[in-house]
Amino acid sequence: MPSPKARSGGAGGSSGRYEFMSLSRSPPPPALQRQGSDPTAARLRAADSPTRRRGSGSSTASTSSTGGQQLPEEDCMRLNPSILGIALSSLLAIDLWLSKRLGVCACEDSSWGSVRPLMKLVEVSGHGIPWLVGAAYCLYKSDSAAGQEVMLNLLMALVLDLVLVSIVKAVVRRRRPAHNRMDMFATFSVDRYSFPSGHATRAAMCARFLLAHLVLAAPLRVLVLLWAAFVGFSRVLLGRHNVTDVAFGFFMGYCQYNLVEALWLSPVTLQSMVGQLE
């Protein structure tokens, strides 16, 4: 049998060892002991270790340092748009607002709905078909060579106007205003687009043509100018076009007359062309 001394020594040694361990390191709580046996908790502790945190911090810093070279440029593009873009957006907003406010004859229930029949009569006066038929009839009935020359070039100018306006409308493809009613006289597929106004281009070009090649008294010359302006203004009142459509149409028609003058067909030029065809 072991002696009491040995047992006391063994107990003292074990108690002394236990006291040494308790002074150097406190025993972990029961919750931590359970987490130590869990592999998921071990992986979480490894992920939260200082080494991993330093590594993730350095990777985040490197990512931010590399991405920092691109973000300022993108932010500048978003926060500092060009002056031209701001001007165009503002002009478009003003154009839509003003066109809607001026469309007082867009329908019978509008504020000036009773004037709509008169506006539609003005619309027909600036349509391409009456002008083409009228120019062809005057060309057929004209007896003088000078009259035939003028009517022939007017007919050519009207055809040129139709072609150029159709091309621009097909390229731009701007829709007509939302308050417009598609009850126009003799429309074609390209007429569902709004920019530019064909009536405005035709009115401006024909007004310049008539004032340049017809001998008219002063009241008639003023009447021609008023007719051209009224045709363009009626397009906005009827809700057919926006204000910028009509404004650009006037400018385009004014320039088209210069092209007609450059391509002017004289009797000599016409005879030479006919001779070449024969």
Protein backbone atom coordinates (compact mmCIF):
# COMPACT_ATOMS: atom_id res chain seq x y z
CA MET A 1 0.00 0.00 0.00
CA PRO A 2 1.31 3.47 -0.72
CA SER A 3 2.20 5.56 2.23
CA PRO A 4 0.19 8.58 3.30
CA LYS A 5 3.20 10.72 2.58
CA ALA A 6 3.27 9.51 -0.93
CA ARG A 7 -0.41 10.14 -1.30
CA SER A 8 -0.07 13.56 0.24
CA GLY A 9 2.93 14.27 -1.95
CA GLY A 10 1.07 13.09 -5.00
CA ALA A 11 -1.89 15.18 -4.02
CA GLY A 12 0.35 18.13 -3.25
CA GLY A 13 2.15 17.74 -6.53
CA SER A 14 -1.07 17.59 -8.44
CA SER A 15 -2.47 20.49 -6.47
CA GLY A 16 0.74 22.45 -7.01
CA ARG A 17 0.59 21.77 -10.75
CA TYR A 18 -3.02 22.83 -10.87
CA GLU A 19 -2.18 26.04 -9.02
CA PHE A 20 0.66 26.77 -11.51
CA MET A 21 -1.62 26.23 -14.51
CA SER A 22 -4.31 28.45 -13.03
CA LEU A 23 -1.81 31.28 -12.54
CA SER A 24 -0.30 31.07 -16.02
CA ARG A 25 -3.51 30.60 -18.07
CA SER A 26 -7.11 30.69 -17.03
CA PRO A 27 -9.22 27.82 -18.29
CA PRO A 28 -11.35 28.70 -21.35
CA PRO A 29 -15.05 29.20 -20.79
CA PRO A 30 -17.35 26.30 -21.59
CA ALA A 31 -18.71 28.11 -24.67
CA LEU A 32 -15.21 28.49 -26.11
CA GLN A 33 -14.46 24.87 -25.37
CA ARG A 34 -17.50 23.84 -27.38
CA GLN A 35 -16.47 26.17 -30.24
CA GLY A 36 -13.01 24.64 -30.28
CA SER A 37 -14.48 21.30 -31.13
CA ASP A 38 -16.58 22.79 -33.94
CA PRO A 39 -14.75 22.95 -37.34
CA THR A 40 -16.98 25.79 -38.56
CA ALA A 41 -16.01 27.93 -35.61
CA ALA A 42 -12.36 27.12 -36.24
CA ARG A 43 -12.63 28.38 -39.80
CA LEU A 44 -14.34 31.57 -38.60
CA ARG A 45 -11.56 32.16 -36.07
CA ALA A 46 -8.98 31.61 -38.78
CA ALA A 47 -10.73 34.12 -40.98
CA ASP A 48 -10.77 36.67 -38.13
CA SER A 49 -7.13 36.19 -37.31
CA PRO A 50 -4.87 39.29 -37.44
CA THR A 51 -2.92 37.84 -40.37
CA ARG A 52 -6.05 37.38 -42.46
CA ARG A 53 -7.28 40.82 -41.47
CA ARG A 54 -4.00 42.35 -42.54
CA GLY A 55 -4.15 40.43 -45.82
CA SER A 56 -7.71 41.45 -46.53
CA GLY A 57 -6.89 45.04 -45.65
CA SER A 58 -3.96 45.06 -48.04
CA SER A 59 -6.06 43.50 -50.81
CA THR A 60 -8.82 46.03 -50.20
CA ALA A 61 -6.28 48.83 -50.25
CA SER A 62 -4.79 47.53 -53.50
CA THR A 63 -8.26 47.20 -55.03
CA SER A 64 -9.17 50.70 -53.98
CA SER A 65 -5.82 52.00 -55.24
CA THR A 66 -6.31 50.39 -58.64
CA GLY A 67 -9.98 51.29 -58.89
CA GLY A 68 -9.34 54.81 -57.67
CA GLN A 69 -7.73 55.65 -60.99
CA GLN A 70 -11.00 54.97 -62.89
CA LEU A 71 -13.71 56.15 -60.49
CA PRO A 72 -12.86 59.87 -60.63
CA GLU A 73 -13.19 59.87 -64.43
CA GLU A 74 -16.55 58.09 -64.31
CA ASP A 75 -17.76 60.37 -61.56
CA CYS A 76 -16.73 63.39 -63.58
CA MET A 77 -18.66 62.07 -66.57
CA ARG A 78 -21.78 61.66 -64.45
CA LEU A 79 -21.50 64.75 -62.29
CA ASN A 80 -19.99 67.12 -64.86
CA PRO A 81 -21.97 66.74 -68.11
CA SER A 82 -20.98 68.84 -71.07
CA ILE A 83 -22.40 72.32 -71.54
CA LEU A 84 -23.71 71.29 -74.94
CA GLY A 85 -25.67 68.39 -73.42
CA ILE A 86 -27.22 70.66 -70.80
CA ALA A 87 -28.13 73.24 -73.43
CA LEU A 88 -29.74 70.65 -75.71
CA SER A 89 -31.72 69.09 -72.86
CA SER A 90 -32.95 72.49 -71.73
CA LEU A 91 -33.88 73.46 -75.29
CA LEU A 92 -35.79 70.22 -75.76
CA ALA A 93 -37.71 70.70 -72.51
CA ILE A 94 -38.62 74.29 -73.43
CA ASP A 95 -39.60 73.18 -76.93
CA LEU A 96 -41.98 70.48 -75.67
CA TRP A 97 -43.51 72.77 -73.04
CA LEU A 98 -44.02 75.68 -75.43
CA SER A 99 -45.40 73.46 -78.20
CA LYS A 100 -47.98 71.99 -75.83
CA ARG A 101 -49.00 75.42 -74.59
CA LEU A 102 -49.39 76.75 -78.15
CA GLY A 103 -51.37 73.75 -79.42
CA VAL A 104 -54.66 75.53 -78.79
CA CYS A 105 -56.31 74.10 -81.94
CA ALA A 106 -55.17 70.50 -81.54
CA CYS A 107 -58.76 69.27 -81.16
CA GLU A 108 -62.29 70.60 -81.05
CA ASP A 109 -62.28 70.61 -77.25
CA SER A 110 -59.22 72.88 -77.08
CA SER A 111 -59.42 76.51 -76.04
CA TRP A 112 -59.40 77.63 -79.70
CA GLY A 113 -61.14 74.57 -81.08
CA SER A 114 -63.61 76.67 -83.06
CA VAL A 115 -60.73 78.03 -85.20
CA ARG A 116 -59.56 74.54 -86.15
CA PRO A 117 -61.38 74.42 -89.54
CA LEU A 118 -59.66 77.64 -90.59
CA MET A 119 -56.29 76.27 -89.51
CA LYS A 120 -56.90 73.12 -91.53
CA LEU A 121 -57.66 75.27 -94.58
CA VAL A 122 -54.30 77.00 -94.11
CA GLU A 123 -52.75 73.53 -93.78
CA VAL A 124 -54.11 72.52 -97.19
CA SER A 125 -52.79 75.74 -98.75
CA GLY A 126 -49.25 74.70 -97.79
CA HIS A 127 -49.57 71.04 -98.76
CA GLY A 128 -47.34 69.67 -101.51
CA ILE A 129 -50.06 68.17 -103.72
CA PRO A 130 -51.89 71.46 -104.49
CA TRP A 131 -48.59 73.14 -105.25
CA LEU A 132 -47.44 70.34 -107.56
CA VAL A 133 -50.76 70.29 -109.41
CA GLY A 134 -50.83 74.08 -109.68
CA ALA A 135 -47.26 74.33 -110.97
CA ALA A 136 -47.84 71.59 -113.53
CA TYR A 137 -51.06 73.26 -114.71
CA CYS A 138 -49.39 76.68 -115.06
CA LEU A 139 -46.53 75.08 -116.96
CA TYR A 140 -48.99 73.47 -119.35
CA LYS A 141 -51.00 76.68 -119.85
CA SER A 142 -48.05 79.07 -120.12
CA ASP A 143 -47.50 80.55 -123.60
CA SER A 144 -44.22 82.41 -123.06
CA ALA A 145 -40.82 80.83 -122.76
CA ALA A 146 -40.06 82.87 -119.64
CA GLY A 147 -43.23 81.67 -117.95
CA GLN A 148 -42.51 78.07 -118.84
CA GLU A 149 -38.99 78.42 -117.48
CA VAL A 150 -40.23 79.80 -114.15
CA MET A 151 -42.95 77.16 -113.77
CA LEU A 152 -40.56 74.36 -114.71
CA ASN A 153 -38.06 75.40 -112.05
CA LEU A 154 -40.84 75.84 -109.51
CA LEU A 155 -41.96 72.30 -110.23
CA MET A 156 -38.38 71.09 -109.85
CA ALA A 157 -38.07 73.00 -106.56
CA LEU A 158 -41.22 71.37 -105.18
CA VAL A 159 -39.98 67.89 -106.06
CA LEU A 160 -36.60 68.67 -104.51
CA ASP A 161 -38.32 69.87 -101.35
CA LEU A 162 -40.31 66.65 -101.04
CA VAL A 163 -37.22 64.51 -101.48
CA LEU A 164 -35.03 66.42 -99.00
CA VAL A 165 -37.71 66.65 -96.32
CA SER A 166 -38.48 62.94 -96.63
CA ILE A 167 -34.80 62.07 -96.23
CA VAL A 168 -34.37 64.22 -93.13
CA LYS A 169 -37.56 62.87 -91.56
CA ALA A 170 -36.50 59.28 -92.22
CA VAL A 171 -33.08 59.93 -90.65
CA VAL A 172 -34.19 61.90 -87.58
CA ARG A 173 -37.43 59.94 -86.91
CA ARG A 174 -38.82 62.37 -84.37
CA ARG A 175 -42.36 61.53 -83.40
CA ARG A 176 -45.13 64.07 -83.70
CA PRO A 177 -46.43 65.72 -80.51
CA ALA A 178 -48.58 63.56 -78.27
CA HIS A 179 -51.53 65.97 -78.52
CA ASN A 180 -51.62 65.76 -82.33
CA ARG A 181 -54.56 64.15 -84.12
CA MET A 182 -53.57 62.25 -87.26
CA ASP A 183 -56.33 63.69 -89.46
CA MET A 184 -54.05 65.46 -91.90
CA PHE A 185 -54.76 65.85 -95.59
CA ALA A 186 -53.16 63.22 -97.89
CA THR A 187 -50.46 61.79 -95.62
CA PHE A 188 -47.74 59.31 -96.53
CA SER A 189 -45.66 56.88 -94.51
CA VAL A 190 -42.93 59.40 -93.72
CA ASP A 191 -45.51 61.94 -92.49
CA ARG A 192 -45.77 60.20 -89.13
CA TYR A 193 -42.46 61.87 -88.27
CA SER A 194 -42.28 65.47 -87.19
CA PHE A 195 -38.84 66.93 -87.86
CA PRO A 196 -38.70 69.08 -89.93
CA SER A 197 -42.04 70.59 -90.89
CA GLY A 198 -42.57 70.05 -94.63
CA HIS A 199 -45.18 72.82 -94.72
CA ALA A 200 -42.66 75.26 -93.23
CA THR A 201 -39.90 74.32 -95.69
CA ARG A 202 -42.30 74.58 -98.63
CA ALA A 203 -43.73 77.90 -97.45
CA ALA A 204 -40.31 79.49 -96.97
CA MET A 205 -38.96 78.21 -100.30
CA CYS A 206 -42.05 79.14 -102.32
CA ALA A 207 -42.23 82.59 -100.72
CA ARG A 208 -38.66 83.35 -101.75
CA PHE A 209 -39.29 81.90 -105.19
CA LEU A 210 -42.42 83.96 -105.83
CA LEU A 211 -40.87 87.17 -104.51
CA ALA A 212 -37.80 86.68 -106.71
CA HIS A 213 -39.39 85.63 -110.01
CA LEU A 214 -42.86 87.22 -110.06
CA VAL A 215 -43.58 90.89 -110.41
CA LEU A 216 -45.87 91.62 -107.49
CA ALA A 217 -47.13 94.80 -105.96
CA ALA A 218 -46.08 95.72 -102.43
CA PRO A 219 -49.34 94.55 -100.77
CA LEU A 220 -49.08 91.19 -102.51
CA ARG A 221 -45.48 90.79 -101.42
CA VAL A 222 -46.49 91.44 -97.82
CA LEU A 223 -49.36 88.97 -98.25
CA VAL A 224 -46.97 86.28 -99.46
CA LEU A 225 -44.74 86.77 -96.41
CA LEU A 226 -47.72 86.70 -94.06
CA TRP A 227 -49.01 83.53 -95.70
CA ALA A 228 -45.65 81.77 -95.22
CA ALA A 229 -45.47 82.81 -91.57
CA PHE A 230 -49.10 81.83 -90.95
CA VAL A 231 -48.57 78.38 -92.50
CA GLY A 232 -45.70 77.68 -90.15
CA PHE A 233 -47.53 79.03 -87.12
CA SER A 234 -50.61 76.96 -87.91
CA ARG A 235 -48.53 73.79 -87.65
CA VAL A 236 -47.91 74.50 -83.98
CA LEU A 237 -51.48 75.65 -83.29
CA LEU A 238 -52.85 72.41 -84.75
CA GLY A 239 -50.41 70.35 -82.70
CA ARG A 240 -48.83 68.88 -85.83
CA HIS A 241 -45.28 69.96 -85.01
CA ASN A 242 -43.11 71.28 -82.24
CA VAL A 243 -41.72 74.79 -82.37
CA THR A 244 -38.23 73.61 -83.33
CA ASP A 245 -39.67 71.57 -86.23
CA VAL A 246 -41.17 74.70 -87.75
CA ALA A 247 -38.14 76.88 -87.02
CA PHE A 248 -35.78 74.42 -88.68
CA GLY A 249 -38.25 74.00 -91.53
CA PHE A 250 -38.14 77.74 -92.26
CA PHE A 251 -34.35 77.66 -92.22
CA MET A 252 -34.20 74.59 -94.45
CA GLY A 253 -36.66 76.06 -96.95
CA TYR A 254 -34.71 79.30 -97.08
CA CYS A 255 -31.54 77.37 -97.91
CA GLN A 256 -33.35 75.16 -100.42
CA TYR A 257 -34.07 78.18 -102.57
CA ASN A 258 -30.33 78.82 -102.86
CA LEU A 259 -29.94 75.25 -104.10
CA VAL A 260 -32.72 75.79 -106.64
CA GLU A 261 -30.98 78.89 -107.93
CA ALA A 262 -27.75 76.92 -108.28
CA LEU A 263 -29.56 74.19 -110.22
CA TRP A 264 -31.67 76.57 -112.28
CA LEU A 265 -32.82 75.12 -115.59
CA SER A 266 -32.73 77.67 -118.40
CA PRO A 267 -34.20 76.94 -121.87
CA VAL A 268 -30.70 76.50 -123.26
CA THR A 269 -29.77 74.05 -120.51
CA LEU A 270 -33.03 72.19 -120.99
CA GLN A 271 -32.55 71.91 -124.76
CA SER A 272 -29.01 70.62 -124.31
CA MET A 273 -30.23 68.02 -121.82
CA VAL A 274 -32.98 66.90 -124.19
CA GLY A 275 -30.47 66.72 -127.02
CA GLN A 276 -28.16 64.52 -124.97
CA LEU A 277 -31.06 62.19 -124.16
CA GLU A 278 -31.94 61.88 -127.83
